[in-house]
Amino acid sequence: MKKEYKAKTTVYQKEEELQARECRLFRIEGRVQGVFFRESTRRQAQPLGITGYAKNMGDGSVQVLACGEPGALKRLTEWLQEGPPMAEVEHMDWIESESKCPESFVIL
């Protein structure tokens, strides 16, 4: 009798999945502090499988590190250009980041 073997997830497959993830470091300017921007960003990122952080900066901007699959990052990037209802995004830019992918999305 011949046994059937099912493919198991290997360490190599997990590494490939992580390598397919990209990280972007965003800087969002405008009325972005005191309007639940960081929490709203976390709520947008989590269902997309994006990890990273949102952090208020001393100059009034918000910094967001987002790591995830390219399609998910595209959706988050589009959302960050508008932000939550009370925000007024005047300028947003981002660069690719070599940061290590965090395990979750946190507010700093």
PDB file of N, CA and C in Angstrom:
ATOM      1  N   MET A   1       0.839  -1.177   0.000  1.00  0.00           N
ATOM      2  CA  MET A   1       0.000   0.000   0.000  1.00  0.00           C
ATOM      3  C   MET A   1       0.883   1.238   0.000  1.00  0.00           C
ATOM      4  N   LYS A   2       0.622   2.141  -0.889  1.00  0.00           N
ATOM      5  CA  LYS A   2       1.428   3.343  -1.064  1.00  0.00           C
ATOM      6  C   LYS A   2       0.883   4.478  -0.199  1.00  0.00           C
ATOM      7  N   LYS A   3       1.774   5.146   0.546  1.00  0.00           N
ATOM      8  CA  LYS A   3       1.372   6.266   1.391  1.00  0.00           C
ATOM      9  C   LYS A   3       1.431   7.558   0.598  1.00  0.00           C
ATOM     10  N   GLU A   4       0.473   8.432   0.872  1.00  0.00           N
ATOM     11  CA  GLU A   4       0.504   9.757   0.264  1.00  0.00           C
ATOM     12  C   GLU A   4       1.093  10.722   1.266  1.00  0.00           C
ATOM     13  N   TYR A   5       1.965  11.567   0.776  1.00  0.00           N
ATOM     14  CA  TYR A   5       2.588  12.567   1.634  1.00  0.00           C
ATOM     15  C   TYR A   5       2.103  13.938   1.242  1.00  0.00           C
ATOM     16  N   LYS A   6       1.724  14.685   2.258  1.00  0.00           N
ATOM     17  CA  LYS A   6       1.299  16.057   2.008  1.00  0.00           C
ATOM     18  C   LYS A   6       2.469  16.990   2.288  1.00  0.00           C
ATOM     19  N   ALA A   7       2.570  18.017   1.486  1.00  0.00           N
ATOM     20  CA  ALA A   7       3.639  18.991   1.676  1.00  0.00           C
ATOM     21  C   ALA A   7       3.426  19.729   3.001  1.00  0.00           C
ATOM     22  N   LYS A   8       4.488  19.863   3.742  1.00  0.00           N
ATOM     23  CA  LYS A   8       4.450  20.610   4.992  1.00  0.00           C
ATOM     24  C   LYS A   8       5.133  21.952   4.787  1.00  0.00           C
ATOM     25  N   THR A   9       4.716  22.915   5.564  1.00  0.00           N
ATOM     26  CA  THR A   9       5.372  24.216   5.505  1.00  0.00           C
ATOM     27  C   THR A   9       6.758  24.052   6.106  1.00  0.00           C
ATOM     28  N   THR A  10       7.740  24.434   5.354  1.00  0.00           N
ATOM     29  CA  THR A  10       9.111  24.302   5.829  1.00  0.00           C
ATOM     30  C   THR A  10       9.642  25.648   6.275  1.00  0.00           C
ATOM     31  N   VAL A  11      10.767  25.597   6.925  1.00  0.00           N
ATOM     32  CA  VAL A  11      11.431  26.820   7.346  1.00  0.00           C
ATOM     33  C   VAL A  11      11.740  27.676   6.126  1.00  0.00           C
ATOM     34  N   TYR A  12      12.113  27.042   5.021  1.00  0.00           N
ATOM     35  CA  TYR A  12      12.442  27.781   3.809  1.00  0.00           C
ATOM     36  C   TYR A  12      11.227  28.507   3.249  1.00  0.00           C
ATOM     37  N   GLN A  13      10.046  27.874   3.290  1.00  0.00           N
ATOM     38  CA  GLN A  13       8.837  28.530   2.811  1.00  0.00           C
ATOM     39  C   GLN A  13       8.521  29.747   3.664  1.00  0.00           C
ATOM     40  N   LYS A  14       8.693  29.629   4.977  1.00  0.00           N
ATOM     41  CA  LYS A  14       8.444  30.762   5.875  1.00  0.00           C
ATOM     42  C   LYS A  14       9.402  31.905   5.560  1.00  0.00           C
ATOM     43  N   GLU A  15      10.664  31.595   5.312  1.00  0.00           N
ATOM     44  CA  GLU A  15      11.637  32.631   4.979  1.00  0.00           C
ATOM     45  C   GLU A  15      11.268  33.318   3.672  1.00  0.00           C
ATOM     46  N   GLU A  16      10.803  32.548   2.683  1.00  0.00           N
ATOM     47  CA  GLU A  16      10.386  33.137   1.412  1.00  0.00           C
ATOM     48  C   GLU A  16       9.209  34.079   1.610  1.00  0.00           C
ATOM     49  N   GLU A  17       8.254  33.696   2.476  1.00  0.00           N
ATOM     50  CA  GLU A  17       7.109  34.562   2.744  1.00  0.00           C
ATOM     51  C   GLU A  17       7.574  35.875   3.361  1.00  0.00           C
ATOM     52  N   LEU A  18       8.509  35.816   4.293  1.00  0.00           N
ATOM     53  CA  LEU A  18       9.020  37.025   4.933  1.00  0.00           C
ATOM     54  C   LEU A  18       9.774  37.893   3.935  1.00  0.00           C
ATOM     55  N   GLN A  19      10.507  37.251   3.016  1.00  0.00           N
ATOM     56  CA  GLN A  19      11.258  38.014   2.031  1.00  0.00           C
ATOM     57  C   GLN A  19      10.328  38.707   1.047  1.00  0.00           C
ATOM     58  N   ALA A  20       9.118  38.171   0.834  1.00  0.00           N
ATOM     59  CA  ALA A  20       8.160  38.787  -0.079  1.00  0.00           C
ATOM     60  C   ALA A  20       7.556  40.044   0.542  1.00  0.00           C
ATOM     61  N   ARG A  21       7.733  40.208   1.844  1.00  0.00           N
ATOM     62  CA  ARG A  21       7.211  41.378   2.532  1.00  0.00           C
ATOM     63  C   ARG A  21       8.153  42.555   2.314  1.00  0.00           C
ATOM     64  N   GLU A  22       7.564  43.721   2.225  1.00  0.00           N
ATOM     65  CA  GLU A  22       8.337  44.952   2.081  1.00  0.00           C
ATOM     66  C   GLU A  22       8.053  45.829   3.288  1.00  0.00           C
ATOM     67  N   CYS A  23       8.964  46.744   3.567  1.00  0.00           N
ATOM     68  CA  CYS A  23       8.748  47.719   4.633  1.00  0.00           C
ATOM     69  C   CYS A  23       8.853  49.125   4.060  1.00  0.00           C
ATOM     70  N   ARG A  24       7.923  49.970   4.476  1.00  0.00           N
ATOM     71  CA  ARG A  24       7.933  51.373   4.071  1.00  0.00           C
ATOM     72  C   ARG A  24       7.881  52.239   5.324  1.00  0.00           C
ATOM     73  N   LEU A  25       8.662  53.311   5.289  1.00  0.00           N
ATOM     74  CA  LEU A  25       8.659  54.277   6.377  1.00  0.00           C
ATOM     75  C   LEU A  25       7.981  55.545   5.870  1.00  0.00           C
ATOM     76  N   PHE A  26       6.837  55.874   6.467  1.00  0.00           N
ATOM     77  CA  PHE A  26       6.017  57.014   6.038  1.00  0.00           C
ATOM     78  C   PHE A  26       6.210  58.194   6.979  1.00  0.00           C
ATOM     79  N   ARG A  27       6.032  59.384   6.434  1.00  0.00           N
ATOM     80  CA  ARG A  27       5.953  60.608   7.226  1.00  0.00           C
ATOM     81  C   ARG A  27       4.714  61.347   6.724  1.00  0.00           C
ATOM     82  N   ILE A  28       3.776  61.579   7.654  1.00  0.00           N
ATOM     83  CA  ILE A  28       2.510  62.206   7.307  1.00  0.00           C
ATOM     84  C   ILE A  28       2.435  63.539   8.046  1.00  0.00           C
ATOM     85  N   GLU A  29       2.176  64.605   7.291  1.00  0.00           N
ATOM     86  CA  GLU A  29       2.120  65.946   7.875  1.00  0.00           C
ATOM     87  C   GLU A  29       0.734  66.550   7.682  1.00  0.00           C
ATOM     88  N   GLY A  30       0.397  67.484   8.539  1.00  0.00           N
ATOM     89  CA  GLY A  30      -0.890  68.166   8.500  1.00  0.00           C
ATOM     90  C   GLY A  30      -1.512  68.101   9.883  1.00  0.00           C
ATOM     91  N   ARG A  31      -2.831  68.092   9.945  1.00  0.00           N
ATOM     92  CA  ARG A  31      -3.509  67.901  11.227  1.00  0.00           C
ATOM     93  C   ARG A  31      -3.642  66.393  11.427  1.00  0.00           C
ATOM     94  N   VAL A  32      -2.612  65.802  11.999  1.00  0.00           N
ATOM     95  CA  VAL A  32      -2.549  64.339  12.132  1.00  0.00           C
ATOM     96  C   VAL A  32      -2.327  63.888  13.576  1.00  0.00           C
ATOM     97  N   GLN A  33      -2.142  64.820  14.489  1.00  0.00           N
ATOM     98  CA  GLN A  33      -2.030  64.459  15.900  1.00  0.00           C
ATOM     99  C   GLN A  33      -3.291  64.927  16.614  1.00  0.00           C
ATOM    100  N   GLY A  34      -3.747  64.111  17.565  1.00  0.00           N
ATOM    101  CA  GLY A  34      -4.952  64.455  18.297  1.00  0.00           C
ATOM    102  C   GLY A  34      -6.240  64.153  17.553  1.00  0.00           C
ATOM    103  N   VAL A  35      -6.143  63.383  16.471  1.00  0.00           N
ATOM    104  CA  VAL A  35      -7.327  63.041  15.665  1.00  0.00           C
ATOM    105  C   VAL A  35      -7.439  61.518  15.474  1.00  0.00           C
ATOM    106  N   PHE A  36      -6.838  60.761  16.375  1.00  0.00           N
ATOM    107  CA  PHE A  36      -6.860  59.290  16.350  1.00  0.00           C
ATOM    108  C   PHE A  36      -6.193  58.703  15.113  1.00  0.00           C
ATOM    109  N   PHE A  37      -5.187  59.410  14.592  1.00  0.00           N
ATOM    110  CA  PHE A  37      -4.500  58.945  13.385  1.00  0.00           C
ATOM    111  C   PHE A  37      -3.767  57.631  13.643  1.00  0.00           C
ATOM    112  N   ARG A  38      -3.031  57.557  14.755  1.00  0.00           N
ATOM    113  CA  ARG A  38      -2.247  56.340  15.030  1.00  0.00           C
ATOM    114  C   ARG A  38      -3.151  55.128  15.237  1.00  0.00           C
ATOM    115  N   GLU A  39      -4.177  55.277  16.052  1.00  0.00           N
ATOM    116  CA  GLU A  39      -5.100  54.156  16.302  1.00  0.00           C
ATOM    117  C   GLU A  39      -5.841  53.763  15.027  1.00  0.00           C
ATOM    118  N   SER A  40      -6.271  54.732  14.260  1.00  0.00           N
ATOM    119  CA  SER A  40      -6.951  54.434  12.998  1.00  0.00           C
ATOM    120  C   SER A  40      -6.020  53.709  12.033  1.00  0.00           C
ATOM    121  N   THR A  41      -4.750  54.086  12.032  1.00  0.00           N
ATOM    122  CA  THR A  41      -3.772  53.407  11.174  1.00  0.00           C
ATOM    123  C   THR A  41      -3.616  51.955  11.606  1.00  0.00           C
ATOM    124  N   ARG A  42      -3.541  51.725  12.912  1.00  0.00           N
ATOM    125  CA  ARG A  42      -3.439  50.346  13.417  1.00  0.00           C
ATOM    126  C   ARG A  42      -4.654  49.537  12.977  1.00  0.00           C
ATOM    127  N   ARG A  43      -5.828  50.132  13.062  1.00  0.00           N
ATOM    128  CA  ARG A  43      -7.062  49.432  12.675  1.00  0.00           C
ATOM    129  C   ARG A  43      -7.113  49.140  11.181  1.00  0.00           C
ATOM    130  N   GLN A  44      -6.479  49.967  10.374  1.00  0.00           N
ATOM    131  CA  GLN A  44      -6.402  49.710   8.930  1.00  0.00           C
ATOM    132  C   GLN A  44      -5.366  48.631   8.630  1.00  0.00           C
ATOM    133  N   ALA A  45      -4.245  48.669   9.345  1.00  0.00           N
ATOM    134  CA  ALA A  45      -3.109  47.781   9.063  1.00  0.00           C
ATOM    135  C   ALA A  45      -3.375  46.328   9.457  1.00  0.00           C
ATOM    136  N   GLN A  46      -3.959  46.118  10.610  1.00  0.00           N
ATOM    137  CA  GLN A  46      -4.107  44.753  11.119  1.00  0.00           C
ATOM    138  C   GLN A  46      -4.861  43.810  10.176  1.00  0.00           C
ATOM    139  N   PRO A  47      -6.029  44.181   9.668  1.00  0.00           N
ATOM    140  CA  PRO A  47      -6.721  43.250   8.762  1.00  0.00           C
ATOM    141  C   PRO A  47      -5.965  42.992   7.456  1.00  0.00           C
ATOM    142  N   LEU A  48      -5.073  43.909   7.098  1.00  0.00           N
ATOM    143  CA  LEU A  48      -4.273  43.739   5.880  1.00  0.00           C
ATOM    144  C   LEU A  48      -3.037  42.881   6.122  1.00  0.00           C
ATOM    145  N   GLY A  49      -2.814  42.471   7.373  1.00  0.00           N
ATOM    146  CA  GLY A  49      -1.629  41.672   7.700  1.00  0.00           C
ATOM    147  C   GLY A  49      -0.368  42.501   7.780  1.00  0.00           C
ATOM    148  N   ILE A  50      -0.517  43.794   7.959  1.00  0.00           N
ATOM    149  CA  ILE A  50       0.637  44.699   8.022  1.00  0.00           C
ATOM    150  C   ILE A  50       1.092  44.840   9.469  1.00  0.00           C
ATOM    151  N   THR A  51       2.391  44.756   9.658  1.00  0.00           N
ATOM    152  CA  THR A  51       2.975  44.963  10.974  1.00  0.00           C
ATOM    153  C   THR A  51       3.800  46.246  10.955  1.00  0.00           C
ATOM    154  N   GLY A  52       4.127  46.758  12.128  1.00  0.00           N
ATOM    155  CA  GLY A  52       4.934  47.969  12.204  1.00  0.00           C
ATOM    156  C   GLY A  52       4.520  48.827  13.371  1.00  0.00           C
ATOM    157  N   TYR A  53       4.550  50.143  13.170  1.00  0.00           N
ATOM    158  CA  TYR A  53       4.164  51.058  14.241  1.00  0.00           C
ATOM    159  C   TYR A  53       3.696  52.389  13.676  1.00  0.00           C
ATOM    160  N   ALA A  54       3.002  53.146  14.535  1.00  0.00           N
ATOM    161  CA  ALA A  54       2.622  54.528  14.248  1.00  0.00           C
ATOM    162  C   ALA A  54       3.091  55.341  15.447  1.00  0.00           C
ATOM    163  N   LYS A  55       3.736  56.473  15.170  1.00  0.00           N
ATOM    164  CA  LYS A  55       4.386  57.232  16.232  1.00  0.00           C
ATOM    165  C   LYS A  55       4.232  58.732  15.974  1.00  0.00           C
ATOM    166  N   ASN A  56       3.818  59.485  17.013  1.00  0.00           N
ATOM    167  CA  ASN A  56       3.783  60.937  16.915  1.00  0.00           C
ATOM    168  C   ASN A  56       5.208  61.468  16.978  1.00  0.00           C
ATOM    169  N   MET A  57       5.506  62.440  16.134  1.00  0.00           N
ATOM    170  CA  MET A  57       6.826  63.056  16.124  1.00  0.00           C
ATOM    171  C   MET A  57       6.747  64.444  16.762  1.00  0.00           C
ATOM    172  N   GLY A  58       7.866  64.932  17.239  1.00  0.00           N
ATOM    173  CA  GLY A  58       7.923  66.216  17.914  1.00  0.00           C
ATOM    174  C   GLY A  58       7.532  67.398  17.049  1.00  0.00           C
ATOM    175  N   ASP A  59       7.653  67.259  15.732  1.00  0.00           N
ATOM    176  CA  ASP A  59       7.318  68.370  14.830  1.00  0.00           C
ATOM    177  C   ASP A  59       5.847  68.382  14.421  1.00  0.00           C
ATOM    178  N   GLY A  60       5.032  67.517  15.020  1.00  0.00           N
ATOM    179  CA  GLY A  60       3.607  67.480  14.700  1.00  0.00           C
ATOM    180  C   GLY A  60       3.221  66.466  13.635  1.00  0.00           C
ATOM    181  N   SER A  61       4.195  65.812  13.030  1.00  0.00           N
ATOM    182  CA  SER A  61       3.903  64.799  12.012  1.00  0.00           C
ATOM    183  C   SER A  61       3.708  63.438  12.681  1.00  0.00           C
ATOM    184  N   VAL A  62       3.306  62.464  11.888  1.00  0.00           N
ATOM    185  CA  VAL A  62       3.194  61.083  12.341  1.00  0.00           C
ATOM    186  C   VAL A  62       4.114  60.242  11.469  1.00  0.00           C
ATOM    187  N   GLN A  63       4.862  59.358  12.112  1.00  0.00           N
ATOM    188  CA  GLN A  63       5.733  58.419  11.402  1.00  0.00           C
ATOM    189  C   GLN A  63       5.083  57.047  11.477  1.00  0.00           C
ATOM    190  N   VAL A  64       5.048  56.355  10.346  1.00  0.00           N
ATOM    191  CA  VAL A  64       4.473  55.019  10.290  1.00  0.00           C
ATOM    192  C   VAL A  64       5.472  54.092   9.605  1.00  0.00           C
ATOM    193  N   LEU A  65       5.807  53.001  10.287  1.00  0.00           N
ATOM    194  CA  LEU A  65       6.570  51.930   9.662  1.00  0.00           C
ATOM    195  C   LEU A  65       5.564  50.839   9.350  1.00  0.00           C
ATOM    196  N   ALA A  66       5.478  50.441   8.097  1.00  0.00           N
ATOM    197  CA  ALA A  66       4.518  49.424   7.674  1.00  0.00           C
ATOM    198  C   ALA A  66       5.249  48.342   6.894  1.00  0.00           C
ATOM    199  N   CYS A  67       5.077  47.096   7.327  1.00  0.00           N
ATOM    200  CA  CYS A  67       5.706  45.953   6.664  1.00  0.00           C
ATOM    201  C   CYS A  67       4.619  44.962   6.268  1.00  0.00           C
ATOM    202  N   GLY A  68       4.620  44.589   5.005  1.00  0.00           N
ATOM    203  CA  GLY A  68       3.614  43.647   4.532  1.00  0.00           C
ATOM    204  C   GLY A  68       3.789  43.339   3.067  1.00  0.00           C
ATOM    205  N   GLU A  69       2.806  42.664   2.519  1.00  0.00           N
ATOM    206  CA  GLU A  69       2.830  42.321   1.108  1.00  0.00           C
ATOM    207  C   GLU A  69       2.574  43.581   0.274  1.00  0.00           C
ATOM    208  N   PRO A  70       3.135  43.645  -0.917  1.00  0.00           N
ATOM    209  CA  PRO A  70       3.007  44.852  -1.740  1.00  0.00           C
ATOM    210  C   PRO A  70       1.572  45.335  -1.939  1.00  0.00           C
ATOM    211  N   GLY A  71       0.637  44.443  -2.191  1.00  0.00           N
ATOM    212  CA  GLY A  71      -0.747  44.856  -2.394  1.00  0.00           C
ATOM    213  C   GLY A  71      -1.356  45.480  -1.147  1.00  0.00           C
ATOM    214  N   ALA A  72      -1.052  44.909   0.002  1.00  0.00           N
ATOM    215  CA  ALA A  72      -1.555  45.447   1.265  1.00  0.00           C
ATOM    216  C   ALA A  72      -0.928  46.809   1.545  1.00  0.00           C
ATOM    217  N   LEU A  73       0.353  46.945   1.255  1.00  0.00           N
ATOM    218  CA  LEU A  73       1.017  48.232   1.458  1.00  0.00           C
ATOM    219  C   LEU A  73       0.433  49.305   0.540  1.00  0.00           C
ATOM    220  N   LYS A  74       0.055  48.915  -0.657  1.00  0.00           N
ATOM    221  CA  LYS A  74      -0.559  49.873  -1.587  1.00  0.00           C
ATOM    222  C   LYS A  74      -1.874  50.385  -1.010  1.00  0.00           C
ATOM    223  N   ARG A  75      -2.676  49.487  -0.461  1.00  0.00           N
ATOM    224  CA  ARG A  75      -3.961  49.895   0.128  1.00  0.00           C
ATOM    225  C   ARG A  75      -3.748  50.798   1.331  1.00  0.00           C
ATOM    226  N   LEU A  76      -2.773  50.465   2.192  1.00  0.00           N
ATOM    227  CA  LEU A  76      -2.513  51.308   3.352  1.00  0.00           C
ATOM    228  C   LEU A  76      -1.987  52.670   2.911  1.00  0.00           C
ATOM    229  N   THR A  77      -1.128  52.695   1.904  1.00  0.00           N
ATOM    230  CA  THR A  77      -0.584  53.954   1.393  1.00  0.00           C
ATOM    231  C   THR A  77      -1.719  54.864   0.917  1.00  0.00           C
ATOM    232  N   GLU A  78      -2.675  54.301   0.199  1.00  0.00           N
ATOM    233  CA  GLU A  78      -3.820  55.088  -0.272  1.00  0.00           C
ATOM    234  C   GLU A  78      -4.620  55.635   0.907  1.00  0.00           C
ATOM    235  N   TRP A  79      -4.813  54.810   1.939  1.00  0.00           N
ATOM    236  CA  TRP A  79      -5.566  55.267   3.109  1.00  0.00           C
ATOM    237  C   TRP A  79      -4.809  56.375   3.852  1.00  0.00           C
ATOM    238  N   LEU A  80      -3.483  56.226   3.987  1.00  0.00           N
ATOM    239  CA  LEU A  80      -2.687  57.215   4.720  1.00  0.00           C
ATOM    240  C   LEU A  80      -2.748  58.594   4.056  1.00  0.00           C
ATOM    241  N   GLN A  81      -2.964  58.652   2.767  1.00  0.00           N
ATOM    242  CA  GLN A  81      -3.064  59.935   2.067  1.00  0.00           C
ATOM    243  C   GLN A  81      -4.290  60.720   2.509  1.00  0.00           C
ATOM    244  N   GLU A  82      -5.295  60.026   3.040  1.00  0.00           N
ATOM    245  CA  GLU A  82      -6.519  60.670   3.526  1.00  0.00           C
ATOM    246  C   GLU A  82      -6.575  60.656   5.052  1.00  0.00           C
ATOM    247  N   GLY A  83      -6.241  59.531   5.654  1.00  0.00           N
ATOM    248  CA  GLY A  83      -6.308  59.390   7.100  1.00  0.00           C
ATOM    249  C   GLY A  83      -7.734  59.278   7.601  1.00  0.00           C
ATOM    250  N   PRO A  84      -7.908  59.311   8.926  1.00  0.00           N
ATOM    251  CA  PRO A  84      -9.244  59.219   9.507  1.00  0.00           C
ATOM    252  C   PRO A  84     -10.045  60.496   9.257  1.00  0.00           C
ATOM    253  N   PRO A  85     -11.356  60.463   9.500  1.00  0.00           N
ATOM    254  CA  PRO A  85     -12.218  61.597   9.168  1.00  0.00           C
ATOM    255  C   PRO A  85     -11.786  62.951   9.735  1.00  0.00           C
ATOM    256  N   MET A  86     -11.268  63.009  10.948  1.00  0.00           N
ATOM    257  CA  MET A  86     -10.921  64.288  11.560  1.00  0.00           C
ATOM    258  C   MET A  86      -9.548  64.808  11.129  1.00  0.00           C
ATOM    259  N   ALA A  87      -8.775  63.993  10.435  1.00  0.00           N
ATOM    260  CA  ALA A  87      -7.433  64.396  10.012  1.00  0.00           C
ATOM    261  C   ALA A  87      -7.493  65.245   8.745  1.00  0.00           C
ATOM    262  N   GLU A  88      -6.448  66.044   8.572  1.00  0.00           N
ATOM    263  CA  GLU A  88      -6.250  66.786   7.329  1.00  0.00           C
ATOM    264  C   GLU A  88      -4.807  66.564   6.896  1.00  0.00           C
ATOM    265  N   VAL A  89      -4.612  65.598   6.009  1.00  0.00           N
ATOM    266  CA  VAL A  89      -3.274  65.276   5.531  1.00  0.00           C
ATOM    267  C   VAL A  89      -2.872  66.315   4.483  1.00  0.00           C
ATOM    268  N   GLU A  90      -1.804  67.035   4.767  1.00  0.00           N
ATOM    269  CA  GLU A  90      -1.301  68.041   3.835  1.00  0.00           C
ATOM    270  C   GLU A  90      -0.181  67.489   2.964  1.00  0.00           C
ATOM    271  N   HIS A  91       0.591  66.574   3.521  1.00  0.00           N
ATOM    272  CA  HIS A  91       1.719  65.999   2.775  1.00  0.00           C
ATOM    273  C   HIS A  91       2.039  64.623   3.345  1.00  0.00           C
ATOM    274  N   MET A  92       2.341  63.696   2.454  1.00  0.00           N
ATOM    275  CA  MET A  92       2.774  62.367   2.867  1.00  0.00           C
ATOM    276  C   MET A  92       3.862  61.901   1.912  1.00  0.00           C
ATOM    277  N   ASP A  93       4.920  61.359   2.468  1.00  0.00           N
ATOM    278  CA  ASP A  93       5.925  60.723   1.629  1.00  0.00           C
ATOM    279  C   ASP A  93       6.410  59.468   2.329  1.00  0.00           C
ATOM    280  N   TRP A  94       7.101  58.627   1.582  1.00  0.00           N
ATOM    281  CA  TRP A  94       7.610  57.401   2.163  1.00  0.00           C
ATOM    282  C   TRP A  94       8.870  56.959   1.437  1.00  0.00           C
ATOM    283  N   ILE A  95       9.645  56.160   2.136  1.00  0.00           N
ATOM    284  CA  ILE A  95      10.836  55.540   1.565  1.00  0.00           C
ATOM    285  C   ILE A  95      10.790  54.053   1.894  1.00  0.00           C
ATOM    286  N   GLU A  96      11.456  53.266   1.072  1.00  0.00           N
ATOM    287  CA  GLU A  96      11.595  51.853   1.405  1.00  0.00           C
ATOM    288  C   GLU A  96      12.533  51.750   2.596  1.00  0.00           C
ATOM    289  N   SER A  97      12.242  50.830   3.483  1.00  0.00           N
ATOM    290  CA  SER A  97      13.027  50.676   4.701  1.00  0.00           C
ATOM    291  C   SER A  97      13.586  49.262   4.783  1.00  0.00           C
ATOM    292  N   GLU A  98      14.766  49.159   5.312  1.00  0.00           N
ATOM    293  CA  GLU A  98      15.403  47.862   5.522  1.00  0.00           C
ATOM    294  C   GLU A  98      15.134  47.340   6.926  1.00  0.00           C
ATOM    295  N   SER A  99      14.179  47.941   7.610  1.00  0.00           N
ATOM    296  CA  SER A  99      13.854  47.543   8.976  1.00  0.00           C
ATOM    297  C   SER A  99      13.407  46.094   9.031  1.00  0.00           C
ATOM    298  N   LYS A 100      13.686  45.465  10.150  1.00  0.00           N
ATOM    299  CA  LYS A 100      13.213  44.107  10.385  1.00  0.00           C
ATOM    300  C   LYS A 100      11.705  44.167  10.592  1.00  0.00           C
ATOM    301  N   CYS A 101      10.970  43.243  10.004  1.00  0.00           N
ATOM    302  CA  CYS A 101       9.516  43.226  10.135  1.00  0.00           C
ATOM    303  C   CYS A 101       9.129  42.905  11.569  1.00  0.00           C
ATOM    304  N   PRO A 102       8.423  43.817  12.235  1.00  0.00           N
ATOM    305  CA  PRO A 102       7.941  43.517  13.580  1.00  0.00           C
ATOM    306  C   PRO A 102       6.871  42.425  13.529  1.00  0.00           C
ATOM    307  N   GLU A 103       6.525  41.879  14.691  1.00  0.00           N
ATOM    308  CA  GLU A 103       5.541  40.798  14.740  1.00  0.00           C
ATOM    309  C   GLU A 103       4.106  41.293  14.770  1.00  0.00           C
ATOM    310  N   SER A 104       3.881  42.548  15.119  1.00  0.00           N
ATOM    311  CA  SER A 104       2.530  43.093  15.191  1.00  0.00           C
ATOM    312  C   SER A 104       2.570  44.578  14.833  1.00  0.00           C
ATOM    313  N   PHE A 105       1.427  45.223  14.890  1.00  0.00           N
ATOM    314  CA  PHE A 105       1.376  46.663  14.644  1.00  0.00           C
ATOM    315  C   PHE A 105       1.082  47.338  15.973  1.00  0.00           C
ATOM    316  N   VAL A 106       1.960  48.259  16.388  1.00  0.00           N
ATOM    317  CA  VAL A 106       1.820  48.899  17.685  1.00  0.00           C
ATOM    318  C   VAL A 106       1.805  50.423  17.552  1.00  0.00           C
ATOM    319  N   ILE A 107       1.301  51.061  18.583  1.00  0.00           N
ATOM    320  CA  ILE A 107       1.307  52.516  18.662  1.00  0.00           C
ATOM    321  C   ILE A 107       2.406  52.910  19.629  1.00  0.00           C
ATOM    322  N   LEU A 108       3.292  53.767  19.202  1.00  0.00           N
ATOM    323  CA  LEU A 108       4.380  54.224  20.061  1.00  0.00           C
ATOM    324  C   LEU A 108       4.107  55.628  20.553  1.00  0.00           C
TER     325      LEU A 108
END
